[in-house]
Amino acid sequence: MTSSPLLAGLDRRLPSLQALYRDLHAHPELSHQEVRTAGIVAERLRGQGWSVTEGVGGTGVVGTLANGPGPVVLLRADMDALPVREGTGLPYASTRTAVDADGQEVPVMHACGHDMHVTCLLGATALLAQHRGAWRGTVVAVFQPAEEVGGAPAMIDDGFLDRFPRADVCLAQHVAPAPAGLVALRPGTMTAASDALAVRLHGRGGHGSAPAATVDPVVMAAAVVLRLQTVVSREVDPDRTAVLSVGSVNAGTRDNIIPDTADLRLTLRSTTPVVRAQLLAAVERIVQAEAAASAAPKPPETTVLSSFPMTVNDPAATDAVHRSLRAAPGAGQVLTLPRPTTGSEDFGHFGSALEAPCVYWVFGGLDPAALAGLGTADLLADGLPPHIPRNHSPLFAPAPDPAVGLGVRYLLLAAAPWLVPAANRS
């Protein structure tokens, strides 16, 4: 394949798509609150001629475009933002706040690039509707809510399998802190499993001037946090991939009051079931042991907030996508990742529920000038230098030019092996 008829006219659409991206970036919405975003998606899909279903799994939107006999391809984009205060200084930076699921007012930012994903999929749906003579089959465009907290099962539980055409392949992508023009994927495990845990430690409160009359949950929490950092470094085989991060510690209200409780929130990442079980067991053991060592008046409580399985790319489908991307001019550098990423995704739920192969890839969204002097070999061997903002950073800022156009291109090229007849691929 030297080109794809699905890409004709993309350049003319880029200014409006980049404007859409900036608008979505300036108006982020938390998980399960993507009302404005969903409304924009539904309006645009209807304008393009798609059959649209709103409110799937809460705020999800599904567009369906049937175009004669042929395979059914599912394309997915996630819509939610994060409780992060933006620090990019961009003219279209978010200044929004919202009330989260715990009733707290928090800043909101598209710190993970889901605004890019929505924009790219809407660009792809527009070109699919425009070029119906160039492809055959059915496309199901899924705009998913709440990826950050596992929203895919909510769509599936809302009758997704019965309400929409059954996909023969599921495709999705994620913008990454890498130079625009680089796209990467791998067969087999692509992203790590993720487990988010909440831990409540119980103490006995009292006056800060009389700590001996209390059981201090703040000190208990500090001991737990430090001890947890030894799990990966001292218990997990160094040849295995694992991450254990404590992202939130909350306790107390005043400097002179020792509180009754302390709350921790953790994220665990693993790429094998054995390591996943090892991490979960280690957390429970350490939390219980530190509480006992502190003479806690009652046992700690551990709650699972969310669990994402590993995202596993089907080898044959991944090979088809890889070949399609590599053969197309303007797609950039297409790489095979040497190992799974420690990021996590709930996209794999669609493939599992539909019993269909999945392919998931990442593409660079940063201005290449920001990574001047850093070659592809460096990225694969050593990763990004620490000063480059990554996803979930308040400074993460994909460049709409050229990332939007590349993201649209990748979606359509990835779908082409199923949708575009072989005779039309060159």
Protein backbone atom coordinates (compact mmCIF):
# COMPACT_ATOMS: atom_id res chain seq x y z
CA MET A 1 0.00 0.00 0.00
CA THR A 2 1.46 3.34 -0.96
CA SER A 3 -1.49 5.49 0.03
CA SER A 4 -5.07 5.21 1.20
CA PRO A 5 -8.12 6.67 -0.54
CA LEU A 6 -9.60 7.26 2.91
CA LEU A 7 -7.06 10.05 3.54
CA ALA A 8 -8.08 12.25 0.62
CA GLY A 9 -9.03 15.72 1.85
CA LEU A 10 -7.48 15.31 5.29
CA ASP A 11 -5.27 18.40 4.94
CA ARG A 12 -8.32 20.61 4.25
CA ARG A 13 -9.95 19.42 7.48
CA LEU A 14 -6.96 19.97 9.73
CA PRO A 15 -7.57 23.63 10.70
CA SER A 16 -11.09 22.88 11.96
CA LEU A 17 -9.94 19.69 13.70
CA GLN A 18 -7.12 21.52 15.45
CA ALA A 19 -9.61 24.18 16.57
CA LEU A 20 -11.83 21.41 17.94
CA TYR A 21 -8.88 19.98 19.84
CA ARG A 22 -8.13 23.33 21.47
CA ASP A 23 -11.79 23.73 22.44
CA LEU A 24 -11.93 20.27 24.02
CA HIS A 25 -8.66 20.92 25.82
CA ALA A 26 -10.02 24.15 27.29
CA HIS A 27 -13.23 22.42 28.46
CA PRO A 28 -12.21 19.14 30.11
CA GLU A 29 -14.67 17.00 32.06
CA LEU A 30 -14.06 14.41 34.75
CA SER A 31 -14.90 10.72 34.42
CA HIS A 32 -18.65 10.08 34.09
CA GLN A 33 -19.23 13.84 33.67
CA GLU A 34 -18.41 14.15 29.94
CA VAL A 35 -21.74 15.77 29.06
CA ARG A 36 -20.45 18.66 26.93
CA THR A 37 -17.92 16.47 25.14
CA ALA A 38 -20.52 13.80 24.42
CA GLY A 39 -22.87 16.43 23.04
CA ILE A 40 -20.23 17.73 20.64
CA VAL A 41 -19.42 14.19 19.53
CA ALA A 42 -23.07 13.28 18.92
CA GLU A 43 -23.77 16.49 16.99
CA ARG A 44 -20.75 16.05 14.73
CA LEU A 45 -21.45 12.39 14.04
CA ARG A 46 -25.05 13.14 13.06
CA GLY A 47 -23.85 15.93 10.80
CA GLN A 48 -21.54 13.45 9.08
CA GLY A 49 -24.38 10.99 8.50
CA TRP A 50 -23.72 8.43 11.22
CA SER A 51 -26.38 6.62 13.22
CA VAL A 52 -25.85 7.87 16.78
CA THR A 53 -26.71 6.40 20.18
CA GLU A 54 -26.11 8.54 23.26
CA GLY A 55 -26.00 7.72 26.95
CA VAL A 56 -24.30 4.33 26.56
CA GLY A 57 -22.78 3.36 29.88
CA GLY A 58 -23.60 6.81 31.23
CA THR A 59 -22.18 9.48 28.93
CA GLY A 60 -20.82 7.25 26.17
CA VAL A 61 -21.61 7.85 22.51
CA VAL A 62 -21.61 5.19 19.78
CA GLY A 63 -21.75 6.01 16.09
CA THR A 64 -22.50 3.34 13.49
CA LEU A 65 -21.93 3.63 9.75
CA ALA A 66 -22.93 0.66 7.60
CA ASN A 67 -21.49 0.69 4.09
CA GLY A 68 -22.35 -2.60 2.43
CA PRO A 69 -21.18 -6.13 3.19
CA GLY A 70 -17.82 -6.56 4.83
CA PRO A 71 -16.03 -6.69 8.19
CA VAL A 72 -17.13 -4.73 11.25
CA VAL A 73 -14.38 -2.51 12.68
CA LEU A 74 -14.63 -0.92 16.13
CA LEU A 75 -12.67 2.31 16.61
CA ARG A 76 -12.49 3.64 20.15
CA ALA A 77 -11.57 6.99 21.74
CA ASP A 78 -11.82 7.90 25.43
CA MET A 79 -13.25 11.25 26.56
CA ASP A 80 -12.53 11.93 30.24
CA ALA A 81 -10.02 14.30 31.85
CA LEU A 82 -8.16 14.29 35.17
CA PRO A 83 -8.29 16.22 38.48
CA VAL A 84 -5.07 18.11 37.66
CA ARG A 85 -4.41 21.87 37.69
CA GLU A 86 -2.98 22.77 34.28
CA GLY A 87 0.42 24.41 34.25
CA THR A 88 1.20 24.55 30.53
CA GLY A 89 0.52 28.27 30.08
CA LEU A 90 -1.07 27.57 26.70
CA PRO A 91 -3.59 30.09 25.33
CA TYR A 92 -6.21 27.33 25.45
CA ALA A 93 -5.18 25.95 28.86
CA SER A 94 -7.98 24.73 31.11
CA THR A 95 -9.05 26.85 34.07
CA ARG A 96 -12.02 24.63 34.93
CA THR A 97 -12.91 23.09 38.24
CA ALA A 98 -15.50 20.41 39.00
CA VAL A 99 -16.87 18.41 41.89
CA ASP A 100 -15.44 14.90 41.90
CA ALA A 101 -17.02 11.61 42.97
CA ASP A 102 -15.98 12.27 46.58
CA GLY A 103 -17.75 15.65 46.64
CA GLN A 104 -14.54 17.67 46.50
CA GLU A 105 -14.00 20.63 44.17
CA VAL A 106 -10.93 19.90 42.05
CA PRO A 107 -9.16 21.44 39.06
CA VAL A 108 -9.65 19.62 35.75
CA MET A 109 -7.24 19.16 32.86
CA HIS A 110 -6.85 16.93 29.82
CA ALA A 111 -3.51 15.77 31.18
CA CYS A 112 -3.63 12.39 29.43
CA GLY A 113 -4.51 13.39 25.86
CA HIS A 114 -8.06 12.09 25.63
CA ASP A 115 -9.02 15.37 23.92
CA MET A 116 -6.57 14.36 21.18
CA HIS A 117 -8.18 10.92 20.90
CA VAL A 118 -11.70 12.36 20.50
CA THR A 119 -10.50 14.85 17.88
CA CYS A 120 -8.67 12.22 15.85
CA LEU A 121 -11.60 9.80 15.84
CA LEU A 122 -14.00 12.55 14.76
CA GLY A 123 -11.59 13.37 11.93
CA ALA A 124 -11.55 9.71 10.92
CA THR A 125 -15.34 9.39 11.03
CA ALA A 126 -15.68 12.46 8.80
CA LEU A 127 -13.40 10.96 6.15
CA LEU A 128 -15.09 7.57 6.35
CA ALA A 129 -18.45 9.23 5.71
CA GLN A 130 -17.00 11.31 2.87
CA HIS A 131 -15.30 8.41 1.06
CA ARG A 132 -17.91 5.66 1.18
CA GLY A 133 -16.94 4.55 -2.30
CA ALA A 134 -13.45 3.63 -1.07
CA TRP A 135 -14.37 1.08 1.59
CA ARG A 136 -16.85 -1.66 2.46
CA GLY A 137 -18.15 -2.94 5.77
CA THR A 138 -19.37 -1.33 8.98
CA VAL A 139 -17.58 0.95 11.41
CA VAL A 140 -18.59 1.29 15.06
CA ALA A 141 -17.08 4.48 16.51
CA VAL A 142 -17.01 4.27 20.31
CA PHE A 143 -16.51 7.43 22.37
CA GLN A 144 -15.99 5.99 25.80
CA PRO A 145 -16.45 7.74 29.14
CA ALA A 146 -14.37 7.29 32.28
CA GLU A 147 -11.35 5.44 30.94
CA GLU A 148 -9.34 6.71 33.91
CA VAL A 149 -11.56 4.74 36.29
CA GLY A 150 -12.55 1.84 34.04
CA GLY A 151 -15.57 3.00 32.02
CA ALA A 152 -15.48 0.34 29.31
CA PRO A 153 -17.31 -2.29 31.41
CA ALA A 154 -20.13 0.22 31.99
CA MET A 155 -20.72 0.44 28.22
CA ILE A 156 -20.58 -3.34 27.88
CA ASP A 157 -22.98 -3.80 30.80
CA ASP A 158 -25.37 -1.35 29.10
CA GLY A 159 -26.13 -3.91 26.40
CA PHE A 160 -23.29 -3.00 24.04
CA LEU A 161 -23.02 -6.51 22.59
CA ASP A 162 -26.71 -6.64 21.66
CA ARG A 163 -27.24 -3.02 20.64
CA PHE A 164 -24.44 -2.61 18.09
CA PRO A 165 -22.91 -4.65 15.25
CA ARG A 166 -20.49 -7.31 16.46
CA ALA A 167 -16.93 -6.21 15.72
CA ASP A 168 -14.47 -8.40 13.83
CA VAL A 169 -11.57 -6.30 15.14
CA CYS A 170 -11.19 -3.60 17.82
CA LEU A 171 -8.70 -0.75 17.29
CA ALA A 172 -7.55 2.08 19.57
CA GLN A 173 -4.63 4.42 20.05
CA HIS A 174 -3.08 6.70 22.69
CA VAL A 175 -1.03 9.86 22.29
CA ALA A 176 2.34 9.56 24.04
CA PRO A 177 5.17 11.83 25.21
CA ALA A 178 7.28 11.04 22.17
CA PRO A 179 8.08 13.02 19.02
CA ALA A 180 5.23 13.43 16.55
CA GLY A 181 5.81 11.11 13.62
CA LEU A 182 6.65 8.10 15.77
CA VAL A 183 4.12 5.29 16.23
CA ALA A 184 4.77 2.12 18.21
CA LEU A 185 3.01 -1.17 18.89
CA ARG A 186 3.82 -4.78 19.65
CA PRO A 187 2.13 -8.19 19.42
CA GLY A 188 1.09 -9.77 22.70
CA THR A 189 0.98 -7.81 25.94
CA MET A 190 0.96 -4.10 25.09
CA THR A 191 0.05 -2.43 28.40
CA ALA A 192 0.25 -3.49 32.02
CA ALA A 193 -2.51 -4.63 34.29
CA SER A 194 -3.52 -1.99 36.84
CA ASP A 195 -4.99 -2.21 40.32
CA ALA A 196 -6.03 0.93 42.22
CA LEU A 197 -6.41 0.49 45.97
CA ALA A 198 -7.66 2.67 48.82
CA VAL A 199 -6.26 1.96 52.30
CA ARG A 200 -7.69 3.39 55.52
CA LEU A 201 -5.48 3.19 58.61
CA HIS A 202 -7.15 3.54 62.00
CA GLY A 203 -5.54 5.31 64.94
CA ARG A 204 -6.72 7.00 68.09
CA GLY A 205 -6.85 10.77 67.86
CA GLY A 206 -5.98 13.35 70.42
CA HIS A 207 -4.03 16.51 71.17
CA GLY A 208 -0.82 17.10 69.28
CA SER A 209 0.89 18.03 72.55
CA ALA A 210 0.20 14.59 74.05
CA PRO A 211 1.09 11.98 71.42
CA ALA A 212 1.62 9.28 74.02
CA ALA A 213 -2.12 9.26 74.64
CA THR A 214 -2.83 8.55 70.97
CA VAL A 215 -2.13 6.05 68.22
CA ASP A 216 -0.89 8.31 65.44
CA PRO A 217 -2.18 7.20 62.01
CA VAL A 218 0.06 9.79 60.30
CA VAL A 219 3.19 8.04 61.55
CA MET A 220 1.59 4.72 60.66
CA ALA A 221 0.90 5.96 57.12
CA ALA A 222 4.48 7.22 56.76
CA ALA A 223 5.80 3.80 57.76
CA VAL A 224 3.47 2.08 55.30
CA VAL A 225 4.51 4.36 52.43
CA LEU A 226 8.22 3.81 53.04
CA ARG A 227 7.84 0.07 53.46
CA LEU A 228 5.78 -0.25 50.28
CA GLN A 229 8.69 1.18 48.31
CA THR A 230 10.71 -1.95 49.09
CA VAL A 231 8.24 -4.29 47.39
CA VAL A 232 9.42 -3.71 43.82
CA SER A 233 13.07 -3.12 44.73
CA ARG A 234 13.44 -6.09 47.09
CA GLU A 235 10.68 -8.60 46.35
CA VAL A 236 9.97 -8.57 42.61
CA ASP A 237 12.41 -10.29 40.27
CA PRO A 238 14.39 -7.50 38.52
CA ASP A 239 13.69 -9.20 35.18
CA ARG A 240 9.96 -8.60 35.72
CA THR A 241 8.10 -5.34 35.19
CA ALA A 242 6.30 -3.91 38.21
CA VAL A 243 5.34 -0.50 39.59
CA LEU A 244 3.90 0.41 42.99
CA SER A 245 3.13 4.10 43.54
CA VAL A 246 1.35 5.87 46.38
CA GLY A 247 -0.45 8.77 44.73
CA SER A 248 -2.47 10.16 47.63
CA VAL A 249 -1.99 10.51 51.40
CA ASN A 250 -4.65 12.31 53.44
CA ALA A 251 -4.92 12.70 57.21
CA GLY A 252 -5.94 15.35 59.70
CA THR A 253 -7.19 18.92 59.61
CA ARG A 254 -5.02 20.92 62.05
CA ASP A 255 -1.40 21.06 63.13
CA ASN A 256 -2.22 20.39 66.79
CA ILE A 257 -4.73 17.55 66.32
CA ILE A 258 -3.68 13.95 65.83
CA PRO A 259 -6.45 12.43 63.67
CA ASP A 260 -8.27 9.13 64.01
CA THR A 261 -7.58 7.93 60.46
CA ALA A 262 -5.21 8.25 57.51
CA ASP A 263 -6.12 7.38 53.93
CA LEU A 264 -3.79 6.21 51.17
CA ARG A 265 -4.43 5.57 47.50
CA LEU A 266 -2.12 3.31 45.51
CA THR A 267 -1.64 2.16 41.95
CA LEU A 268 -0.04 -1.19 41.09
CA ARG A 269 1.17 -2.13 37.59
CA SER A 270 2.21 -5.58 36.41
CA THR A 271 2.65 -7.50 33.17
CA THR A 272 2.22 -11.08 34.42
CA PRO A 273 -0.48 -12.64 36.62
CA VAL A 274 2.19 -13.95 39.03
CA VAL A 275 3.65 -10.49 39.67
CA ARG A 276 0.19 -9.00 39.99
CA ALA A 277 -0.71 -11.48 42.73
CA GLN A 278 2.66 -10.85 44.39
CA LEU A 279 2.07 -7.08 44.53
CA LEU A 280 -1.45 -7.39 45.92
CA ALA A 281 -0.34 -9.83 48.61
CA ALA A 282 2.61 -7.65 49.59
CA VAL A 283 0.44 -4.56 50.02
CA GLU A 284 -2.00 -6.39 52.28
CA ARG A 285 0.82 -7.94 54.32
CA ILE A 286 2.62 -4.63 54.87
CA VAL A 287 -0.51 -2.65 55.69
CA GLN A 288 -1.64 -5.22 58.24
CA ALA A 289 1.84 -5.55 59.77
CA GLU A 290 2.45 -1.82 60.16
CA ALA A 291 -0.97 -1.37 61.75
CA ALA A 292 -0.19 -4.16 64.21
CA ALA A 293 3.26 -2.69 64.92
CA SER A 294 1.61 0.64 65.77
CA ALA A 295 -0.97 -1.00 68.06
CA ALA A 296 -3.82 0.24 65.88
CA PRO A 297 -7.17 -0.02 67.70
CA LYS A 298 -8.77 -1.78 64.69
CA PRO A 299 -7.50 -3.47 61.53
CA PRO A 300 -6.90 -1.41 58.39
CA GLU A 301 -9.36 -1.51 55.49
CA THR A 302 -8.25 -2.07 51.90
CA THR A 303 -10.70 -1.40 49.06
CA VAL A 304 -10.19 -2.13 45.36
CA LEU A 305 -11.13 1.03 43.45
CA SER A 306 -10.55 -0.34 39.95
CA SER A 307 -8.76 -3.14 38.14
CA PHE A 308 -7.71 -3.10 34.48
CA PRO A 309 -6.50 -6.25 32.76
CA MET A 310 -3.43 -6.30 30.56
CA THR A 311 -4.09 -5.06 27.04
CA VAL A 312 -3.08 -7.90 24.72
CA ASN A 313 -2.63 -7.27 21.00
CA ASP A 314 -3.64 -10.08 18.67
CA PRO A 315 -0.48 -11.08 16.74
CA ALA A 316 -2.08 -11.51 13.31
CA ALA A 317 -4.14 -8.32 13.52
CA THR A 318 -1.15 -6.40 14.87
CA ASP A 319 0.94 -7.57 11.94
CA ALA A 320 -1.73 -6.32 9.52
CA VAL A 321 -1.84 -2.90 11.19
CA HIS A 322 1.96 -2.71 11.34
CA ARG A 323 2.31 -3.47 7.63
CA SER A 324 -0.40 -0.96 6.70
CA LEU A 325 1.26 1.82 8.70
CA ARG A 326 4.76 1.08 7.41
CA ALA A 327 3.69 1.02 3.76
CA ALA A 328 1.92 4.39 3.82
CA PRO A 329 3.79 7.61 3.04
CA GLY A 330 3.61 10.24 5.75
CA ALA A 331 2.90 7.81 8.57
CA GLY A 332 6.30 8.45 10.12
CA GLN A 333 8.51 5.93 11.86
CA VAL A 334 6.73 2.71 12.87
CA LEU A 335 8.42 0.83 15.71
CA THR A 336 7.96 -2.46 17.50
CA LEU A 337 8.14 -1.92 21.25
CA PRO A 338 10.63 -4.26 22.94
CA ARG A 339 8.48 -4.62 26.07
CA PRO A 340 4.99 -3.72 27.35
CA THR A 341 4.38 -0.22 28.65
CA THR A 342 3.57 0.26 32.35
CA GLY A 343 0.59 2.41 31.43
CA SER A 344 -2.78 0.67 31.65
CA GLU A 345 -5.97 0.63 29.61
CA ASP A 346 -9.53 -0.68 29.86
CA PHE A 347 -9.84 -0.92 26.06
CA GLY A 348 -9.20 -4.67 26.18
CA HIS A 349 -12.62 -5.20 27.77
CA PHE A 350 -14.22 -4.61 24.36
CA GLY A 351 -12.18 -7.34 22.66
CA SER A 352 -12.78 -9.77 25.51
CA ALA A 353 -16.53 -9.17 25.56
CA LEU A 354 -16.85 -9.33 21.77
CA GLU A 355 -14.35 -12.21 21.45
CA ALA A 356 -12.61 -10.15 18.78
CA PRO A 357 -8.91 -9.43 18.21
CA CYS A 358 -7.61 -6.12 19.55
CA VAL A 359 -4.83 -3.84 18.36
CA TYR A 360 -3.69 -0.89 20.47
CA TRP A 361 -0.81 1.44 19.62
CA VAL A 362 0.77 4.65 20.86
CA PHE A 363 1.81 7.63 18.78
CA GLY A 364 4.02 10.61 19.52
CA GLY A 365 2.32 13.91 20.17
CA LEU A 366 5.20 16.23 21.09
CA ASP A 367 6.87 18.84 18.91
CA PRO A 368 10.04 17.07 17.70
CA ALA A 369 12.00 20.22 18.58
CA ALA A 370 11.32 19.47 22.26
CA LEU A 371 13.28 16.24 21.85
CA ALA A 372 16.09 17.55 19.66
CA GLY A 373 19.14 15.32 19.81
CA LEU A 374 17.27 12.32 21.17
CA GLY A 375 17.22 9.47 18.67
CA THR A 376 14.86 6.53 18.35
CA ALA A 377 17.47 4.16 19.77
CA ASP A 378 17.74 6.35 22.86
CA LEU A 379 13.97 6.32 23.36
CA LEU A 380 13.76 2.54 23.11
CA ALA A 381 16.79 1.88 25.31
CA ASP A 382 16.53 4.57 27.97
CA GLY A 383 13.09 6.12 27.65
CA LEU A 384 12.38 9.82 27.85
CA PRO A 385 14.65 12.12 29.83
CA PRO A 386 13.09 13.14 33.17
CA HIS A 387 12.49 16.75 32.15
CA ILE A 388 10.00 15.83 29.40
CA PRO A 389 6.43 15.97 30.83
CA ARG A 390 4.60 12.67 30.58
CA ASN A 391 0.90 11.83 30.60
CA HIS A 392 -0.84 12.92 33.82
CA SER A 393 1.64 15.76 34.30
CA PRO A 394 0.20 19.31 34.61
CA LEU A 395 2.68 20.22 31.86
CA PHE A 396 1.73 17.50 29.35
CA ALA A 397 0.87 19.27 26.10
CA PRO A 398 0.63 17.46 22.74
CA ALA A 399 1.16 19.71 19.74
CA PRO A 400 -2.08 19.84 17.70
CA ASP A 401 0.02 20.47 14.61
CA PRO A 402 1.07 17.84 13.53
CA ALA A 403 -0.34 15.35 16.10
CA VAL A 404 -4.02 15.70 15.11
CA GLY A 405 -3.38 14.92 11.46
CA LEU A 406 -1.13 12.00 12.31
CA GLY A 407 -3.68 10.54 14.73
CA VAL A 408 -6.42 10.64 12.08
CA ARG A 409 -4.05 9.04 9.60
CA TYR A 410 -3.12 6.21 11.98
CA LEU A 411 -6.75 5.30 12.70
CA LEU A 412 -7.68 5.09 9.03
CA LEU A 413 -4.53 3.24 7.98
CA ALA A 414 -5.01 0.76 10.81
CA ALA A 415 -8.59 0.09 9.71
CA ALA A 416 -7.72 -0.18 6.01
CA PRO A 417 -6.72 -3.89 6.00
CA TRP A 418 -10.30 -4.74 6.95
CA LEU A 419 -12.27 -1.98 5.23
CA VAL A 420 -10.46 -1.15 2.00
CA PRO A 421 -10.54 -3.75 -0.80
CA ALA A 422 -7.06 -4.88 -1.79
CA ALA A 423 -7.45 -3.43 -5.27
CA ASN A 424 -7.93 0.06 -3.79
CA ARG A 425 -4.89 0.01 -1.51
CA SER A 426 -2.29 1.16 -3.99
